[in-house]
Amino acid sequence: MLYSFLVHFFGPLISLFNGRQIVANKVDLPEGNYVLVAPHRTWMDPIFLALAVYPKKLGFMAKEELFKGKFANYFLRKLNAFPVNRKNPGPSVIKKPVTMLKKTDLSTIIFPSGSRYSSKLKGGAVMIAKMAGVPLVPAVYQGPLFFKDLFKRQRRKVAIGKPIYIDRKMKLTEENLAQVEQELQTAFDALDKQLDPTYHYVVPKKTKKD
């Protein structure tokens, strides 16, 4: 309930001072659950991607430090977040999203680069999709990278790619992972070009919090 409330509250509120978010290719979203995969460009892109695919709801990983305190823990869990130890992730980093995809109506969102300061893809999203038996859905966000920039009327844009289905029999060898990751990267590049042929992502200056 809190998830839907915040979507209906913050979505229109953001649109008041930034304009309506542009979403391309939403019809390509598959039925059922999926792993939404996107390059991580700003701390705000999980919000804008979640708004883009709504009414489909997403669960997501968040670093365990954010769950300190009763209110923060309650609030994040109500938003379908679950804690992950980024330094020592362990098997739960795969098991939790796989269980969620199999046993609930929640999809999940994964930023395979792990950080908005890295362009290197990782194999976790592929493994989760394979084990859960759901497709990967590439997506990209273009727009303001900082909250203050929302007031400059720079439009928020999201493009969604066609689902990538993982063969359940495929072995997760380095070669096979590299092939899927290249397919994702190709999709990201095409989606960026679709939204803006001149788009170039500029890595934000790193801070101590990141």
N, C-alpha and C. Protein backbone atom coordinates (compact mmCIF):
# COMPACT_ATOMS: atom_id res chain seq x y z
N MET A 1 0.82 -1.21 0.00
CA MET A 1 0.00 0.00 0.00
C MET A 1 0.86 1.27 0.00
N LEU A 2 1.92 1.26 0.82
CA LEU A 2 2.81 2.42 0.88
C LEU A 2 3.48 2.65 -0.47
N TYR A 3 3.87 1.58 -1.14
CA TYR A 3 4.52 1.68 -2.45
C TYR A 3 3.60 2.41 -3.43
N SER A 4 2.34 1.97 -3.52
CA SER A 4 1.38 2.59 -4.45
C SER A 4 1.09 4.03 -4.06
N PHE A 5 0.99 4.29 -2.75
CA PHE A 5 0.73 5.65 -2.29
C PHE A 5 1.85 6.59 -2.73
N LEU A 6 3.09 6.17 -2.54
CA LEU A 6 4.22 7.03 -2.89
C LEU A 6 4.30 7.25 -4.40
N VAL A 7 3.96 6.22 -5.18
CA VAL A 7 3.96 6.39 -6.64
C VAL A 7 2.94 7.45 -7.04
N HIS A 8 1.74 7.37 -6.47
CA HIS A 8 0.68 8.31 -6.83
C HIS A 8 0.88 9.69 -6.22
N PHE A 9 1.71 9.77 -5.18
CA PHE A 9 1.98 11.06 -4.56
C PHE A 9 3.19 11.75 -5.19
N PHE A 10 4.31 11.03 -5.26
CA PHE A 10 5.54 11.65 -5.73
C PHE A 10 5.61 11.75 -7.25
N GLY A 11 4.96 10.82 -7.96
CA GLY A 11 4.98 10.90 -9.42
C GLY A 11 4.41 12.22 -9.92
N PRO A 12 3.17 12.56 -9.56
CA PRO A 12 2.61 13.85 -9.98
C PRO A 12 3.35 15.05 -9.40
N LEU A 13 3.87 14.91 -8.17
CA LEU A 13 4.60 16.01 -7.55
C LEU A 13 5.86 16.35 -8.34
N ILE A 14 6.62 15.33 -8.71
CA ILE A 14 7.83 15.55 -9.51
C ILE A 14 7.48 16.15 -10.86
N SER A 15 6.36 15.69 -11.43
CA SER A 15 5.96 16.19 -12.75
C SER A 15 5.57 17.66 -12.71
N LEU A 16 5.14 18.14 -11.55
CA LEU A 16 4.76 19.55 -11.44
C LEU A 16 5.91 20.48 -11.75
N PHE A 17 7.10 20.14 -11.27
CA PHE A 17 8.23 21.05 -11.49
C PHE A 17 9.26 20.52 -12.48
N ASN A 18 9.07 19.29 -12.98
CA ASN A 18 10.03 18.76 -13.95
C ASN A 18 9.37 18.37 -15.26
N GLY A 19 8.05 18.32 -15.29
CA GLY A 19 7.35 17.87 -16.48
C GLY A 19 7.11 16.37 -16.43
N ARG A 20 6.22 15.91 -17.26
CA ARG A 20 5.86 14.50 -17.27
C ARG A 20 7.01 13.65 -17.80
N GLN A 21 7.28 12.54 -17.13
CA GLN A 21 8.36 11.65 -17.54
C GLN A 21 8.02 10.97 -18.86
N ILE A 22 8.99 10.92 -19.76
CA ILE A 22 8.82 10.25 -21.04
C ILE A 22 9.24 8.79 -20.90
N VAL A 23 8.39 7.87 -21.29
CA VAL A 23 8.70 6.44 -21.23
C VAL A 23 8.52 5.85 -22.62
N ALA A 24 9.60 5.34 -23.18
CA ALA A 24 9.56 4.75 -24.52
C ALA A 24 9.51 3.23 -24.43
N ASN A 25 8.70 2.63 -25.28
CA ASN A 25 8.65 1.17 -25.46
C ASN A 25 8.06 0.42 -24.27
N LYS A 26 7.18 1.04 -23.51
CA LYS A 26 6.62 0.34 -22.35
C LYS A 26 5.87 -0.91 -22.76
N VAL A 27 5.38 -0.93 -23.99
CA VAL A 27 4.64 -2.11 -24.49
C VAL A 27 5.54 -3.34 -24.57
N ASP A 28 6.86 -3.14 -24.54
CA ASP A 28 7.78 -4.28 -24.62
C ASP A 28 7.94 -5.00 -23.29
N LEU A 29 7.38 -4.45 -22.21
CA LEU A 29 7.48 -5.14 -20.93
C LEU A 29 6.73 -6.46 -20.99
N PRO A 30 7.35 -7.56 -20.55
CA PRO A 30 6.68 -8.86 -20.61
C PRO A 30 5.64 -9.01 -19.50
N GLU A 31 4.75 -9.95 -19.68
CA GLU A 31 3.82 -10.29 -18.61
C GLU A 31 4.57 -11.07 -17.53
N GLY A 32 4.10 -10.99 -16.30
CA GLY A 32 4.75 -11.71 -15.23
C GLY A 32 5.98 -10.98 -14.72
N ASN A 33 6.78 -11.69 -13.96
CA ASN A 33 7.96 -11.07 -13.36
C ASN A 33 9.15 -11.03 -14.31
N TYR A 34 10.08 -10.15 -13.99
CA TYR A 34 11.29 -10.00 -14.79
C TYR A 34 12.35 -9.29 -13.95
N VAL A 35 13.58 -9.31 -14.45
CA VAL A 35 14.67 -8.56 -13.83
C VAL A 35 14.93 -7.33 -14.70
N LEU A 36 14.59 -6.17 -14.19
CA LEU A 36 14.86 -4.93 -14.89
C LEU A 36 16.34 -4.58 -14.68
N VAL A 37 17.06 -4.40 -15.76
CA VAL A 37 18.51 -4.18 -15.69
C VAL A 37 18.83 -2.83 -16.34
N ALA A 38 19.60 -2.02 -15.63
CA ALA A 38 19.90 -0.69 -16.16
C ALA A 38 21.27 -0.22 -15.69
N PRO A 39 21.92 0.64 -16.46
CA PRO A 39 23.15 1.27 -15.97
C PRO A 39 22.80 2.25 -14.85
N HIS A 40 23.61 2.28 -13.80
CA HIS A 40 23.34 3.11 -12.63
C HIS A 40 23.98 4.49 -12.82
N ARG A 41 23.14 5.51 -12.99
CA ARG A 41 23.64 6.83 -13.34
C ARG A 41 23.41 7.88 -12.27
N THR A 42 22.48 7.65 -11.38
CA THR A 42 22.17 8.59 -10.32
C THR A 42 21.46 7.86 -9.21
N TRP A 43 21.52 8.38 -8.00
CA TRP A 43 20.80 7.74 -6.89
C TRP A 43 19.30 7.79 -7.13
N MET A 44 18.85 8.64 -8.06
CA MET A 44 17.41 8.78 -8.31
C MET A 44 16.87 7.81 -9.35
N ASP A 45 17.74 7.16 -10.13
CA ASP A 45 17.21 6.34 -11.23
C ASP A 45 16.36 5.15 -10.78
N PRO A 46 16.57 4.56 -9.58
CA PRO A 46 15.62 3.52 -9.17
C PRO A 46 14.19 4.05 -9.04
N ILE A 47 14.06 5.30 -8.60
CA ILE A 47 12.74 5.91 -8.46
C ILE A 47 12.09 6.10 -9.82
N PHE A 48 12.84 6.66 -10.76
CA PHE A 48 12.28 6.97 -12.07
C PHE A 48 12.01 5.70 -12.89
N LEU A 49 12.83 4.68 -12.70
CA LEU A 49 12.58 3.41 -13.38
C LEU A 49 11.34 2.72 -12.79
N ALA A 50 11.19 2.81 -11.46
CA ALA A 50 10.00 2.23 -10.82
C ALA A 50 8.74 2.93 -11.30
N LEU A 51 8.79 4.26 -11.45
CA LEU A 51 7.65 5.01 -11.97
C LEU A 51 7.35 4.61 -13.41
N ALA A 52 8.41 4.33 -14.17
CA ALA A 52 8.24 4.00 -15.60
C ALA A 52 7.51 2.69 -15.81
N VAL A 53 7.74 1.69 -14.96
CA VAL A 53 7.13 0.38 -15.18
C VAL A 53 5.84 0.18 -14.39
N TYR A 54 5.49 1.13 -13.52
CA TYR A 54 4.26 1.00 -12.73
C TYR A 54 3.07 0.86 -13.67
N PRO A 55 2.08 -0.01 -13.40
CA PRO A 55 1.71 -0.59 -12.09
C PRO A 55 2.48 -1.84 -11.67
N LYS A 56 3.43 -2.30 -12.51
CA LYS A 56 4.27 -3.39 -12.04
C LYS A 56 5.12 -2.87 -10.88
N LYS A 57 5.19 -3.62 -9.80
CA LYS A 57 5.96 -3.20 -8.63
C LYS A 57 7.29 -3.93 -8.59
N LEU A 58 8.28 -3.24 -8.06
CA LEU A 58 9.64 -3.77 -8.01
C LEU A 58 10.10 -3.96 -6.57
N GLY A 59 10.87 -5.01 -6.34
CA GLY A 59 11.64 -5.16 -5.12
C GLY A 59 13.08 -4.84 -5.46
N PHE A 60 13.85 -4.44 -4.49
CA PHE A 60 15.22 -4.07 -4.81
C PHE A 60 16.16 -4.27 -3.63
N MET A 61 17.43 -4.43 -3.97
CA MET A 61 18.47 -4.55 -2.96
C MET A 61 18.88 -3.16 -2.49
N ALA A 62 19.26 -3.07 -1.24
CA ALA A 62 19.80 -1.81 -0.70
C ALA A 62 20.86 -2.15 0.33
N LYS A 63 21.88 -1.34 0.41
CA LYS A 63 22.96 -1.64 1.35
C LYS A 63 22.41 -1.64 2.78
N GLU A 64 22.88 -2.58 3.57
CA GLU A 64 22.31 -2.83 4.89
C GLU A 64 22.43 -1.64 5.83
N GLU A 65 23.38 -0.75 5.56
CA GLU A 65 23.54 0.42 6.42
C GLU A 65 22.30 1.31 6.42
N LEU A 66 21.53 1.26 5.31
CA LEU A 66 20.34 2.09 5.22
C LEU A 66 19.21 1.61 6.12
N PHE A 67 19.32 0.38 6.60
CA PHE A 67 18.24 -0.21 7.39
C PHE A 67 18.42 0.03 8.90
N LYS A 68 19.44 0.77 9.27
CA LYS A 68 19.65 1.06 10.68
C LYS A 68 18.54 1.99 11.19
N GLY A 69 18.01 1.68 12.34
CA GLY A 69 16.91 2.47 12.89
C GLY A 69 15.58 1.83 12.55
N LYS A 70 14.67 1.84 13.50
CA LYS A 70 13.38 1.17 13.33
C LYS A 70 12.57 1.77 12.19
N PHE A 71 12.56 3.11 12.12
CA PHE A 71 11.74 3.74 11.07
C PHE A 71 12.28 3.44 9.69
N ALA A 72 13.59 3.59 9.51
CA ALA A 72 14.20 3.33 8.21
C ALA A 72 13.99 1.88 7.79
N ASN A 73 14.15 0.96 8.73
CA ASN A 73 13.97 -0.45 8.45
C ASN A 73 12.53 -0.74 8.02
N TYR A 74 11.56 -0.17 8.76
CA TYR A 74 10.14 -0.37 8.44
C TYR A 74 9.81 0.23 7.07
N PHE A 75 10.27 1.46 6.84
CA PHE A 75 9.95 2.18 5.62
C PHE A 75 10.51 1.46 4.39
N LEU A 76 11.76 1.06 4.44
CA LEU A 76 12.39 0.41 3.30
C LEU A 76 11.76 -0.95 2.99
N ARG A 77 11.44 -1.69 4.03
CA ARG A 77 10.83 -3.00 3.80
C ARG A 77 9.43 -2.86 3.21
N LYS A 78 8.72 -1.82 3.59
CA LYS A 78 7.40 -1.56 3.01
C LYS A 78 7.51 -1.18 1.54
N LEU A 79 8.68 -0.71 1.15
CA LEU A 79 8.93 -0.39 -0.26
C LEU A 79 9.55 -1.57 -1.01
N ASN A 80 9.50 -2.75 -0.39
CA ASN A 80 9.97 -4.00 -1.00
C ASN A 80 11.49 -4.08 -1.10
N ALA A 81 12.19 -3.34 -0.24
CA ALA A 81 13.65 -3.40 -0.23
C ALA A 81 14.11 -4.48 0.72
N PHE A 82 15.28 -5.04 0.45
CA PHE A 82 15.88 -6.00 1.37
C PHE A 82 17.36 -5.69 1.49
N PRO A 83 17.94 -5.86 2.69
CA PRO A 83 19.32 -5.45 2.93
C PRO A 83 20.34 -6.41 2.35
N VAL A 84 21.45 -5.85 1.89
CA VAL A 84 22.57 -6.63 1.36
C VAL A 84 23.86 -6.05 1.92
N ASN A 85 24.72 -6.94 2.37
CA ASN A 85 26.06 -6.53 2.81
C ASN A 85 26.94 -6.43 1.57
N ARG A 86 27.28 -5.22 1.18
CA ARG A 86 28.01 -5.03 -0.07
C ARG A 86 29.46 -5.53 0.01
N LYS A 87 30.03 -5.51 1.20
CA LYS A 87 31.42 -5.96 1.34
C LYS A 87 31.50 -7.49 1.39
N ASN A 88 30.51 -8.11 2.05
CA ASN A 88 30.46 -9.57 2.15
C ASN A 88 29.04 -10.03 1.82
N PRO A 89 28.66 -10.00 0.53
CA PRO A 89 27.27 -10.24 0.15
C PRO A 89 26.73 -11.63 0.48
N GLY A 90 27.53 -12.67 0.32
CA GLY A 90 27.07 -14.02 0.63
C GLY A 90 26.01 -14.51 -0.33
N PRO A 91 25.50 -15.73 -0.13
CA PRO A 91 24.52 -16.34 -1.04
C PRO A 91 23.16 -15.65 -1.04
N SER A 92 22.84 -14.89 0.02
CA SER A 92 21.53 -14.25 0.10
C SER A 92 21.32 -13.21 -0.99
N VAL A 93 22.43 -12.66 -1.52
CA VAL A 93 22.31 -11.65 -2.57
C VAL A 93 21.69 -12.24 -3.84
N ILE A 94 21.79 -13.55 -4.00
CA ILE A 94 21.15 -14.25 -5.12
C ILE A 94 19.84 -14.89 -4.66
N LYS A 95 19.85 -15.53 -3.50
CA LYS A 95 18.70 -16.29 -3.02
C LYS A 95 17.47 -15.42 -2.79
N LYS A 96 17.66 -14.25 -2.20
CA LYS A 96 16.50 -13.40 -1.87
C LYS A 96 15.75 -12.93 -3.11
N PRO A 97 16.42 -12.36 -4.10
CA PRO A 97 15.66 -11.95 -5.29
C PRO A 97 15.08 -13.12 -6.07
N VAL A 98 15.77 -14.26 -6.10
CA VAL A 98 15.23 -15.43 -6.80
C VAL A 98 13.93 -15.89 -6.14
N THR A 99 13.94 -15.95 -4.81
CA THR A 99 12.73 -16.34 -4.07
C THR A 99 11.60 -15.35 -4.31
N MET A 100 11.92 -14.06 -4.31
CA MET A 100 10.91 -13.03 -4.54
C MET A 100 10.30 -13.16 -5.93
N LEU A 101 11.13 -13.38 -6.93
CA LEU A 101 10.65 -13.51 -8.30
C LEU A 101 9.77 -14.74 -8.50
N LYS A 102 10.09 -15.80 -7.77
CA LYS A 102 9.34 -17.05 -7.91
C LYS A 102 8.03 -17.05 -7.11
N LYS A 103 8.05 -16.43 -5.93
CA LYS A 103 6.93 -16.62 -5.00
C LYS A 103 6.06 -15.38 -4.77
N THR A 104 6.40 -14.26 -5.38
CA THR A 104 5.57 -13.07 -5.23
C THR A 104 5.26 -12.50 -6.61
N ASP A 105 4.50 -11.41 -6.64
CA ASP A 105 4.21 -10.74 -7.91
C ASP A 105 5.15 -9.56 -8.14
N LEU A 106 6.26 -9.55 -7.41
CA LEU A 106 7.23 -8.47 -7.55
C LEU A 106 8.32 -8.84 -8.55
N SER A 107 8.63 -7.90 -9.42
CA SER A 107 9.85 -8.01 -10.23
C SER A 107 10.97 -7.37 -9.42
N THR A 108 12.16 -7.33 -9.98
CA THR A 108 13.26 -6.71 -9.26
C THR A 108 14.07 -5.85 -10.21
N ILE A 109 14.82 -4.93 -9.65
CA ILE A 109 15.67 -4.06 -10.44
C ILE A 109 17.12 -4.25 -10.00
N ILE A 110 17.99 -4.39 -10.96
CA ILE A 110 19.41 -4.62 -10.68
C ILE A 110 20.25 -3.71 -11.56
N PHE A 111 21.23 -3.08 -10.94
CA PHE A 111 22.20 -2.28 -11.68
C PHE A 111 23.48 -3.10 -11.76
N PRO A 112 23.72 -3.79 -12.86
CA PRO A 112 24.81 -4.77 -12.91
C PRO A 112 26.20 -4.16 -12.80
N SER A 113 26.33 -2.87 -13.03
CA SER A 113 27.64 -2.24 -12.86
C SER A 113 27.99 -2.11 -11.38
N GLY A 114 26.95 -2.16 -10.53
CA GLY A 114 27.16 -2.09 -9.08
C GLY A 114 27.34 -0.68 -8.57
N SER A 115 27.81 0.21 -9.41
CA SER A 115 28.07 1.59 -9.01
C SER A 115 27.90 2.49 -10.22
N ARG A 116 27.45 3.71 -10.00
CA ARG A 116 27.32 4.63 -11.12
C ARG A 116 28.66 5.19 -11.57
N TYR A 117 29.75 4.76 -10.89
CA TYR A 117 31.08 5.16 -11.29
C TYR A 117 31.78 4.07 -12.09
N SER A 118 31.05 3.00 -12.40
CA SER A 118 31.65 1.88 -13.12
C SER A 118 30.79 1.53 -14.31
N SER A 119 31.41 1.12 -15.40
CA SER A 119 30.67 0.68 -16.59
C SER A 119 30.79 -0.83 -16.77
N LYS A 120 31.51 -1.49 -15.88
CA LYS A 120 31.73 -2.93 -15.99
C LYS A 120 30.51 -3.70 -15.52
N LEU A 121 30.00 -4.57 -16.37
CA LEU A 121 28.83 -5.37 -16.01
C LEU A 121 29.26 -6.59 -15.20
N LYS A 122 28.36 -7.02 -14.34
CA LYS A 122 28.62 -8.20 -13.53
C LYS A 122 27.57 -9.26 -13.82
N GLY A 123 27.86 -10.52 -13.45
CA GLY A 123 27.00 -11.63 -13.84
C GLY A 123 25.83 -11.92 -12.92
N GLY A 124 25.67 -11.16 -11.84
CA GLY A 124 24.62 -11.46 -10.87
C GLY A 124 23.22 -11.42 -11.45
N ALA A 125 22.94 -10.44 -12.29
CA ALA A 125 21.60 -10.31 -12.87
C ALA A 125 21.28 -11.51 -13.75
N VAL A 126 22.27 -11.99 -14.50
CA VAL A 126 22.08 -13.15 -15.37
C VAL A 126 21.78 -14.39 -14.54
N MET A 127 22.53 -14.58 -13.47
CA MET A 127 22.33 -15.73 -12.61
C MET A 127 20.94 -15.72 -11.97
N ILE A 128 20.52 -14.56 -11.49
CA ILE A 128 19.21 -14.43 -10.85
C ILE A 128 18.10 -14.74 -11.84
N ALA A 129 18.20 -14.18 -13.05
CA ALA A 129 17.17 -14.42 -14.06
C ALA A 129 17.10 -15.89 -14.43
N LYS A 130 18.24 -16.52 -14.58
CA LYS A 130 18.29 -17.93 -14.95
C LYS A 130 17.67 -18.80 -13.86
N MET A 131 18.05 -18.57 -12.61
CA MET A 131 17.54 -19.39 -11.51
C MET A 131 16.05 -19.18 -11.27
N ALA A 132 15.57 -17.96 -11.50
CA ALA A 132 14.15 -17.67 -11.29
C ALA A 132 13.30 -18.00 -12.50
N GLY A 133 13.94 -18.21 -13.64
CA GLY A 133 13.19 -18.51 -14.85
C GLY A 133 12.43 -17.32 -15.40
N VAL A 134 13.03 -16.12 -15.29
CA VAL A 134 12.38 -14.90 -15.79
C VAL A 134 13.35 -14.19 -16.74
N PRO A 135 12.82 -13.34 -17.61
CA PRO A 135 13.70 -12.64 -18.55
C PRO A 135 14.39 -11.43 -17.94
N LEU A 136 15.48 -11.03 -18.58
CA LEU A 136 16.12 -9.76 -18.29
C LEU A 136 15.46 -8.70 -19.18
N VAL A 137 15.20 -7.53 -18.62
CA VAL A 137 14.63 -6.43 -19.41
C VAL A 137 15.58 -5.23 -19.30
N PRO A 138 16.29 -4.91 -20.38
CA PRO A 138 17.19 -3.76 -20.33
C PRO A 138 16.41 -2.44 -20.33
N ALA A 139 16.96 -1.44 -19.65
CA ALA A 139 16.34 -0.12 -19.63
C ALA A 139 17.42 0.92 -19.38
N VAL A 140 17.17 2.14 -19.81
CA VAL A 140 18.10 3.23 -19.53
C VAL A 140 17.33 4.46 -19.06
N TYR A 141 18.00 5.25 -18.23
CA TYR A 141 17.45 6.53 -17.78
C TYR A 141 18.34 7.66 -18.28
N GLN A 142 17.71 8.69 -18.79
CA GLN A 142 18.41 9.92 -19.13
C GLN A 142 17.68 11.08 -18.46
N GLY A 143 18.43 12.02 -17.93
CA GLY A 143 17.79 13.16 -17.28
C GLY A 143 18.64 13.71 -16.17
N PRO A 144 18.03 14.47 -15.26
CA PRO A 144 18.78 15.06 -14.15
C PRO A 144 19.49 14.00 -13.31
N LEU A 145 20.72 14.29 -12.93
CA LEU A 145 21.49 13.37 -12.11
C LEU A 145 21.49 13.77 -10.64
N PHE A 146 21.12 15.02 -10.37
CA PHE A 146 21.06 15.52 -9.01
C PHE A 146 19.69 16.14 -8.75
N PHE A 147 19.24 16.08 -7.51
CA PHE A 147 17.90 16.56 -7.17
C PHE A 147 17.70 18.01 -7.60
N LYS A 148 18.69 18.85 -7.39
CA LYS A 148 18.56 20.27 -7.73
C LYS A 148 18.30 20.48 -9.21
N ASP A 149 18.77 19.53 -10.05
CA ASP A 149 18.61 19.68 -11.49
C ASP A 149 17.19 19.40 -11.95
N LEU A 150 16.38 18.79 -11.08
CA LEU A 150 14.97 18.57 -11.44
C LEU A 150 14.25 19.89 -11.66
N PHE A 151 14.71 20.95 -11.01
CA PHE A 151 14.05 22.25 -11.11
C PHE A 151 14.46 23.01 -12.36
N LYS A 152 15.39 22.45 -13.14
CA LYS A 152 15.86 23.11 -14.36
C LYS A 152 15.06 22.68 -15.59
N ARG A 153 14.02 21.90 -15.35
CA ARG A 153 13.12 21.44 -16.40
C ARG A 153 13.80 20.52 -17.43
N GLN A 154 14.92 19.93 -17.05
CA GLN A 154 15.52 18.91 -17.91
C GLN A 154 14.67 17.66 -17.81
N ARG A 155 14.11 17.20 -18.91
CA ARG A 155 13.12 16.14 -18.87
C ARG A 155 13.73 14.80 -18.47
N ARG A 156 12.95 14.04 -17.73
CA ARG A 156 13.32 12.68 -17.36
C ARG A 156 12.82 11.73 -18.45
N LYS A 157 13.71 10.88 -18.93
CA LYS A 157 13.36 9.96 -20.01
C LYS A 157 13.83 8.55 -19.67
N VAL A 158 12.97 7.58 -19.93
CA VAL A 158 13.30 6.17 -19.73
C VAL A 158 12.94 5.41 -21.00
N ALA A 159 13.83 4.55 -21.44
CA ALA A 159 13.53 3.67 -22.57
C ALA A 159 13.68 2.22 -22.12
N ILE A 160 12.75 1.40 -22.53
CA ILE A 160 12.70 -0.01 -22.14
C ILE A 160 12.98 -0.87 -23.36
N GLY A 161 13.85 -1.85 -23.19
CA GLY A 161 14.21 -2.73 -24.30
C GLY A 161 13.41 -4.02 -24.32
N LYS A 162 13.61 -4.78 -25.35
CA LYS A 162 12.92 -6.07 -25.48
C LYS A 162 13.53 -7.09 -24.51
N PRO A 163 12.71 -7.98 -23.97
CA PRO A 163 13.19 -8.97 -22.99
C PRO A 163 14.28 -9.86 -23.58
N ILE A 164 15.22 -10.23 -22.74
CA ILE A 164 16.28 -11.17 -23.09
C ILE A 164 16.05 -12.43 -22.26
N TYR A 165 15.77 -13.52 -22.92
CA TYR A 165 15.44 -14.76 -22.22
C TYR A 165 16.70 -15.62 -22.08
N ILE A 166 16.88 -16.14 -20.88
CA ILE A 166 18.05 -16.96 -20.57
C ILE A 166 17.66 -18.43 -20.59
N ASP A 167 18.35 -19.22 -21.37
CA ASP A 167 18.10 -20.66 -21.42
C ASP A 167 18.43 -21.28 -20.06
N ARG A 168 17.47 -21.97 -19.47
CA ARG A 168 17.70 -22.59 -18.16
C ARG A 168 18.83 -23.62 -18.20
N LYS A 169 19.11 -24.14 -19.38
CA LYS A 169 20.16 -25.15 -19.51
C LYS A 169 21.55 -24.53 -19.75
N MET A 170 21.57 -23.22 -19.95
CA MET A 170 22.84 -22.57 -20.23
C MET A 170 23.76 -22.58 -19.01
N LYS A 171 24.99 -22.99 -19.21
CA LYS A 171 25.96 -22.96 -18.12
C LYS A 171 26.52 -21.54 -17.98
N LEU A 172 26.71 -21.13 -16.74
CA LEU A 172 27.17 -19.77 -16.49
C LEU A 172 28.70 -19.69 -16.57
N THR A 173 29.19 -20.02 -17.72
CA THR A 173 30.63 -19.92 -17.96
C THR A 173 30.98 -18.46 -18.23
N GLU A 174 32.25 -18.14 -18.15
CA GLU A 174 32.69 -16.77 -18.42
C GLU A 174 32.32 -16.37 -19.84
N GLU A 175 32.44 -17.29 -20.75
CA GLU A 175 32.12 -17.01 -22.15
C GLU A 175 30.63 -16.69 -22.33
N ASN A 176 29.77 -17.51 -21.71
CA ASN A 176 28.33 -17.30 -21.84
C ASN A 176 27.88 -16.02 -21.13
N LEU A 177 28.46 -15.76 -19.95
CA LEU A 177 28.13 -14.53 -19.24
C LEU A 177 28.55 -13.31 -20.06
N ALA A 178 29.72 -13.38 -20.66
CA ALA A 178 30.21 -12.27 -21.47
C ALA A 178 29.29 -12.02 -22.67
N GLN A 179 28.74 -13.09 -23.22
CA GLN A 179 27.84 -12.96 -24.37
C GLN A 179 26.55 -12.24 -23.98
N VAL A 180 25.96 -12.63 -22.82
CA VAL A 180 24.73 -11.98 -22.37
C VAL A 180 25.01 -10.53 -21.97
N GLU A 181 26.13 -10.32 -21.30
CA GLU A 181 26.47 -8.96 -20.89
C GLU A 181 26.69 -8.05 -22.09
N GLN A 182 27.25 -8.59 -23.15
CA GLN A 182 27.43 -7.81 -24.38
C GLN A 182 26.07 -7.49 -25.01
N GLU A 183 25.15 -8.45 -24.92
CA GLU A 183 23.80 -8.24 -25.44
C GLU A 183 23.11 -7.11 -24.66
N LEU A 184 23.32 -7.11 -23.34
CA LEU A 184 22.76 -6.03 -22.51
C LEU A 184 23.37 -4.69 -22.87
N GLN A 185 24.69 -4.66 -23.00
CA GLN A 185 25.37 -3.40 -23.31
C GLN A 185 24.93 -2.86 -24.67
N THR A 186 24.76 -3.76 -25.63
CA THR A 186 24.27 -3.35 -26.95
C THR A 186 22.87 -2.75 -26.84
N ALA A 187 22.03 -3.37 -26.00
CA ALA A 187 20.68 -2.85 -25.79
C ALA A 187 20.72 -1.48 -25.13
N PHE A 188 21.58 -1.31 -24.11
CA PHE A 188 21.70 -0.01 -23.46
C PHE A 188 22.10 1.07 -24.48
N ASP A 189 23.07 0.76 -25.30
CA ASP A 189 23.55 1.74 -26.28
C ASP A 189 22.44 2.11 -27.27
N ALA A 190 21.67 1.11 -27.71
CA ALA A 190 20.58 1.37 -28.66
C ALA A 190 19.47 2.19 -28.02
N LEU A 191 19.17 1.91 -26.77
CA LEU A 191 18.11 2.64 -26.08
C LEU A 191 18.51 4.09 -25.82
N ASP A 192 19.78 4.29 -25.45
CA ASP A 192 20.28 5.66 -25.28
C ASP A 192 20.16 6.44 -26.59
N LYS A 193 20.55 5.79 -27.68
CA LYS A 193 20.49 6.44 -28.99
C LYS A 193 19.06 6.74 -29.39
N GLN A 194 18.13 5.83 -29.03
CA GLN A 194 16.72 6.06 -29.36
C GLN A 194 16.20 7.31 -28.67
N LEU A 195 16.55 7.48 -27.39
CA LEU A 195 16.08 8.64 -26.65
C LEU A 195 16.76 9.93 -27.10
N ASP A 196 18.06 9.83 -27.37
CA ASP A 196 18.82 11.01 -27.77
C ASP A 196 20.10 10.56 -28.47
N PRO A 197 20.18 10.70 -29.79
CA PRO A 197 21.37 10.25 -30.54
C PRO A 197 22.66 10.93 -30.10
N THR A 198 22.56 12.08 -29.44
CA THR A 198 23.76 12.81 -29.01
C THR A 198 24.08 12.60 -27.54
N TYR A 199 23.33 11.72 -26.87
CA TYR A 199 23.50 11.57 -25.42
C TYR A 199 24.87 11.01 -25.06
N HIS A 200 25.45 11.61 -24.03
CA HIS A 200 26.72 11.10 -23.50
C HIS A 200 26.66 11.21 -21.98
N TYR A 201 26.79 10.08 -21.31
CA TYR A 201 26.72 10.07 -19.85
C TYR A 201 28.04 10.58 -19.27
N VAL A 202 27.95 11.58 -18.43
CA VAL A 202 29.11 12.12 -17.74
C VAL A 202 29.10 11.62 -16.31
N VAL A 203 30.13 10.90 -15.92
CA VAL A 203 30.20 10.33 -14.58
C VAL A 203 30.24 11.45 -13.54
N PRO A 204 29.32 11.41 -12.55
CA PRO A 204 29.32 12.45 -11.52
C PRO A 204 30.56 12.36 -10.64
N LYS A 205 30.93 13.47 -10.07
CA LYS A 205 32.10 13.51 -9.20
C LYS A 205 31.82 12.66 -7.96
N LYS A 206 32.73 11.76 -7.64
CA LYS A 206 32.54 10.84 -6.52
C LYS A 206 32.67 11.54 -5.19
N THR A 207 31.78 11.14 -4.26
CA THR A 207 31.83 11.70 -2.91
C THR A 207 32.09 10.59 -1.91
N LYS A 208 32.33 10.96 -0.66
CA LYS A 208 32.61 9.96 0.38
C LYS A 208 31.43 9.04 0.63
N LYS A 209 30.21 9.48 0.30
CA LYS A 209 29.01 8.69 0.56
C LYS A 209 28.86 7.55 -0.43
N ASP A 210 29.50 7.63 -1.58
CA ASP A 210 29.30 6.63 -2.64
C ASP A 210 30.27 5.46 -2.54
